[in-house]
N, C-alpha and C. Protein backbone atom coordinates (compact mmCIF):
# COMPACT_ATOMS: atom_id res chain seq x y z
N MET A 1 43.64 -30.17 -8.72
CA MET A 1 42.38 -30.28 -9.81
C MET A 1 42.94 -29.84 -11.01
N ASP A 2 42.43 -30.54 -12.12
CA ASP A 2 42.82 -30.26 -13.46
C ASP A 2 41.83 -29.37 -14.04
N GLU A 3 42.22 -28.41 -14.74
CA GLU A 3 41.40 -27.37 -15.46
C GLU A 3 41.32 -27.82 -16.77
N VAL A 4 39.83 -27.77 -17.31
CA VAL A 4 39.39 -27.95 -18.66
C VAL A 4 38.77 -26.78 -19.13
N ARG A 5 39.42 -26.01 -20.18
CA ARG A 5 38.86 -24.81 -20.56
C ARG A 5 38.43 -24.86 -22.05
N GLY A 6 37.15 -24.19 -22.23
CA GLY A 6 36.65 -24.17 -23.62
C GLY A 6 36.43 -25.41 -24.36
N LYS A 7 36.12 -26.32 -23.73
CA LYS A 7 35.90 -27.60 -24.57
C LYS A 7 34.49 -27.97 -24.47
N SER A 8 34.05 -28.28 -25.78
CA SER A 8 32.61 -28.80 -26.01
C SER A 8 32.51 -30.25 -26.11
N PHE A 9 31.78 -30.87 -25.12
CA PHE A 9 31.67 -32.34 -25.04
C PHE A 9 30.23 -32.53 -25.71
N ARG A 10 30.22 -33.67 -26.58
CA ARG A 10 28.85 -34.14 -27.20
C ARG A 10 28.82 -35.46 -27.28
N ASN A 11 27.75 -35.97 -26.74
CA ASN A 11 27.52 -37.46 -26.93
C ASN A 11 28.59 -38.42 -26.46
N GLU A 12 29.08 -37.94 -25.21
CA GLU A 12 30.23 -38.84 -24.60
C GLU A 12 30.00 -39.17 -23.14
N VAL A 13 30.66 -39.77 -22.68
CA VAL A 13 30.73 -39.85 -21.02
C VAL A 13 31.84 -38.98 -20.48
N VAL A 14 31.55 -38.09 -19.73
CA VAL A 14 32.51 -37.06 -18.97
C VAL A 14 32.69 -37.36 -17.48
N LYS A 15 33.97 -37.73 -17.09
CA LYS A 15 34.05 -37.93 -15.75
C LYS A 15 34.25 -36.64 -15.10
N LEU A 16 33.55 -36.09 -14.01
CA LEU A 16 33.79 -34.94 -13.47
C LEU A 16 34.67 -34.86 -12.54
N ASP A 17 34.89 -35.86 -11.74
CA ASP A 17 35.81 -35.87 -10.36
C ASP A 17 37.26 -35.31 -10.74
N GLY A 18 37.61 -34.48 -9.93
CA GLY A 18 38.96 -33.96 -10.16
C GLY A 18 39.19 -32.78 -11.14
N ASN A 19 38.15 -32.33 -11.69
CA ASN A 19 38.17 -31.36 -12.58
C ASN A 19 37.44 -30.06 -12.48
N LEU A 20 38.09 -28.84 -13.03
CA LEU A 20 37.32 -27.64 -12.89
C LEU A 20 37.16 -27.42 -14.36
N PHE A 21 36.10 -27.29 -14.90
CA PHE A 21 35.53 -26.96 -16.30
C PHE A 21 35.17 -25.57 -16.41
N ILE A 22 35.94 -24.72 -17.11
CA ILE A 22 35.62 -23.31 -17.36
C ILE A 22 35.21 -23.13 -18.76
N ASN A 23 34.15 -22.40 -18.92
CA ASN A 23 33.64 -22.13 -20.35
C ASN A 23 33.39 -23.40 -21.29
N CYS A 24 32.82 -24.42 -20.54
CA CYS A 24 32.66 -25.82 -21.21
C CYS A 24 31.37 -25.83 -21.70
N SER A 25 30.99 -26.77 -22.57
CA SER A 25 29.53 -26.93 -22.98
C SER A 25 29.47 -28.78 -22.82
N PHE A 26 28.34 -29.00 -22.52
CA PHE A 26 28.17 -30.49 -22.38
C PHE A 26 26.61 -30.67 -22.87
N GLU A 27 26.56 -31.45 -23.87
CA GLU A 27 25.44 -31.58 -24.78
C GLU A 27 25.45 -33.08 -25.11
N ASN A 28 24.10 -33.73 -24.65
CA ASN A 28 23.76 -35.09 -24.88
C ASN A 28 25.05 -36.02 -24.19
N CYS A 29 25.35 -35.58 -22.99
CA CYS A 29 26.37 -36.41 -22.47
C CYS A 29 25.89 -37.19 -21.21
N VAL A 30 26.72 -38.04 -20.71
CA VAL A 30 26.36 -38.76 -19.42
C VAL A 30 27.45 -38.25 -18.51
N LEU A 31 27.19 -37.55 -17.60
CA LEU A 31 28.12 -37.04 -16.44
C LEU A 31 28.34 -37.98 -15.55
N GLN A 32 29.55 -38.47 -15.29
CA GLN A 32 29.89 -39.55 -14.32
C GLN A 32 30.55 -38.95 -13.11
N PHE A 33 30.01 -39.02 -11.91
CA PHE A 33 30.35 -38.43 -10.60
C PHE A 33 30.60 -39.76 -9.52
N SER A 34 31.80 -39.74 -9.10
CA SER A 34 32.18 -40.69 -7.88
C SER A 34 32.27 -40.13 -6.58
N GLY A 35 32.19 -38.82 -6.47
CA GLY A 35 31.97 -38.19 -5.20
C GLY A 35 33.34 -37.27 -4.99
N ASP A 36 34.34 -37.34 -5.80
CA ASP A 36 35.52 -36.40 -5.58
C ASP A 36 35.12 -35.13 -6.04
N HIS A 37 36.05 -33.84 -5.60
CA HIS A 37 35.72 -32.57 -5.79
C HIS A 37 35.66 -32.34 -7.33
N CYS A 38 34.65 -31.61 -7.67
CA CYS A 38 34.57 -31.07 -9.10
C CYS A 38 33.99 -29.57 -9.08
N GLU A 39 34.08 -28.91 -10.16
CA GLU A 39 33.69 -27.51 -10.29
C GLU A 39 33.37 -27.18 -11.75
N TRP A 40 32.70 -26.02 -11.83
CA TRP A 40 32.52 -25.72 -13.34
C TRP A 40 32.13 -24.10 -13.13
N GLU A 41 32.68 -23.33 -14.01
CA GLU A 41 32.45 -21.84 -14.10
C GLU A 41 31.91 -21.49 -15.48
N HIS A 42 30.95 -20.86 -15.83
CA HIS A 42 30.67 -20.44 -17.15
C HIS A 42 30.35 -21.41 -18.12
N SER A 43 29.71 -22.52 -17.70
CA SER A 43 29.41 -23.66 -18.50
C SER A 43 28.12 -23.94 -18.75
N HIS A 44 27.84 -24.63 -19.86
CA HIS A 44 26.20 -24.83 -20.22
C HIS A 44 26.17 -26.36 -20.44
N PHE A 45 24.98 -26.71 -19.81
CA PHE A 45 24.63 -28.27 -19.86
C PHE A 45 23.12 -28.22 -20.63
N ALA A 46 23.06 -29.18 -21.68
CA ALA A 46 21.86 -29.39 -22.29
C ALA A 46 21.70 -30.84 -22.30
N ASN A 47 20.48 -31.51 -22.14
CA ASN A 47 20.10 -32.85 -22.30
C ASN A 47 21.26 -33.75 -21.87
N TYR A 48 21.27 -33.76 -20.50
CA TYR A 48 22.49 -34.70 -19.98
C TYR A 48 21.88 -35.69 -18.93
N ARG A 49 22.65 -36.74 -18.64
CA ARG A 49 22.32 -37.70 -17.56
C ARG A 49 23.40 -37.64 -16.49
N ILE A 50 23.07 -37.78 -15.21
CA ILE A 50 24.07 -38.05 -14.22
C ILE A 50 24.09 -39.47 -13.78
N VAL A 51 25.47 -39.93 -13.71
CA VAL A 51 25.52 -41.42 -13.28
C VAL A 51 26.43 -41.24 -12.04
N LEU A 52 25.81 -41.73 -10.75
CA LEU A 52 26.57 -41.79 -9.58
C LEU A 52 27.41 -43.02 -9.30
N ASP A 53 28.50 -43.11 -8.95
CA ASP A 53 29.54 -44.22 -8.89
C ASP A 53 30.24 -44.07 -7.59
N GLY A 54 30.71 -45.30 -7.12
CA GLY A 54 31.74 -45.16 -5.94
C GLY A 54 31.10 -44.24 -4.85
N LYS A 55 31.72 -43.37 -4.10
CA LYS A 55 31.30 -42.87 -2.77
C LYS A 55 29.93 -41.96 -3.06
N ALA A 56 29.75 -41.45 -4.37
CA ALA A 56 28.59 -40.72 -4.36
C ALA A 56 27.35 -41.70 -4.44
N ASN A 57 27.43 -42.91 -4.92
CA ASN A 57 26.49 -43.84 -4.99
C ASN A 57 26.21 -44.46 -3.57
N ASN A 58 27.15 -44.65 -2.69
CA ASN A 58 27.23 -44.87 -1.43
C ASN A 58 26.53 -44.11 -0.66
N THR A 59 26.69 -42.67 -0.88
CA THR A 59 25.62 -41.76 0.01
C THR A 59 24.45 -41.63 -0.36
N ILE A 60 23.99 -42.09 -1.45
CA ILE A 60 22.62 -42.02 -1.85
C ILE A 60 21.98 -43.36 -1.45
N GLN A 61 22.66 -44.57 -1.30
CA GLN A 61 22.12 -45.63 -0.51
C GLN A 61 22.07 -45.56 0.77
N VAL A 62 22.90 -44.72 1.42
CA VAL A 62 22.85 -44.45 3.13
C VAL A 62 21.52 -43.69 3.25
N LEU A 63 21.45 -42.53 2.48
CA LEU A 63 20.14 -41.61 2.58
C LEU A 63 18.95 -42.38 2.50
N ARG A 64 18.90 -43.33 1.35
CA ARG A 64 17.70 -43.93 1.16
C ARG A 64 17.44 -45.02 2.32
N GLY A 65 18.54 -45.53 2.87
CA GLY A 65 18.27 -46.41 4.08
C GLY A 65 17.83 -45.74 5.24
N LEU A 66 18.02 -44.56 5.37
CA LEU A 66 17.75 -43.45 6.52
C LEU A 66 16.45 -43.14 6.31
N GLY A 67 15.73 -43.34 5.02
CA GLY A 67 14.16 -42.97 4.92
C GLY A 67 14.21 -41.78 4.10
N PHE A 68 15.20 -41.20 3.38
CA PHE A 68 15.11 -39.99 2.58
C PHE A 68 14.61 -40.45 1.31
N ASN A 69 13.82 -39.53 0.74
CA ASN A 69 13.15 -39.99 -0.60
C ASN A 69 13.97 -39.14 -1.69
N ILE A 70 14.81 -39.80 -2.40
CA ILE A 70 15.99 -39.26 -3.59
C ILE A 70 15.29 -39.60 -4.71
N ARG A 71 14.74 -38.49 -5.38
CA ARG A 71 14.10 -38.57 -6.55
C ARG A 71 14.98 -38.29 -7.67
N GLY A 72 14.65 -38.98 -8.91
CA GLY A 72 15.39 -38.86 -10.22
C GLY A 72 16.42 -39.63 -10.22
N LEU A 73 16.93 -40.50 -9.59
CA LEU A 73 17.91 -41.31 -9.45
C LEU A 73 17.82 -42.89 -9.72
N GLU A 74 16.73 -43.20 -10.47
CA GLU A 74 16.48 -44.51 -10.78
C GLU A 74 17.27 -45.12 -11.93
N SER A 75 16.90 -46.26 -12.42
CA SER A 75 17.94 -46.85 -13.38
C SER A 75 18.36 -46.08 -14.62
N ASP A 76 17.20 -45.43 -14.96
CA ASP A 76 17.16 -44.35 -16.16
C ASP A 76 16.78 -43.06 -15.63
N PRO A 77 17.73 -42.33 -15.33
CA PRO A 77 17.48 -40.91 -14.73
C PRO A 77 17.16 -40.15 -15.74
N PRO A 78 16.14 -39.18 -15.45
CA PRO A 78 15.63 -38.13 -16.45
C PRO A 78 16.66 -37.16 -16.86
N THR A 79 16.54 -36.52 -17.91
CA THR A 79 17.58 -35.53 -18.47
C THR A 79 17.32 -34.41 -18.12
N GLY A 80 18.22 -33.29 -18.24
CA GLY A 80 17.98 -32.06 -17.55
C GLY A 80 18.70 -30.99 -18.27
N ALA A 81 18.25 -29.80 -17.87
CA ALA A 81 19.24 -28.56 -18.50
C ALA A 81 19.29 -27.61 -17.53
N VAL A 82 20.82 -27.33 -17.26
CA VAL A 82 21.05 -26.28 -16.27
C VAL A 82 21.73 -25.19 -17.25
N HIS A 83 21.50 -23.98 -16.81
CA HIS A 83 22.08 -22.82 -17.37
C HIS A 83 22.63 -21.88 -16.42
């Protein structure tokens, strides 16, 4: 896993897969997740969107097919903030 330390991401697409983000900030970003391992420590997220691709999107489709109600993953997902 690659370490990314102390980086500020703004107004960009950030691929999460295969990365450990330490002391990073994400503002107005699209977080792209394909299902591979990723982690973050002491990082800040503000006004972001998540896009699920590949294996992550396949998992959502399987769960929906089994009748699970997966909210917030429509074509224009809501933004959020996690501290």
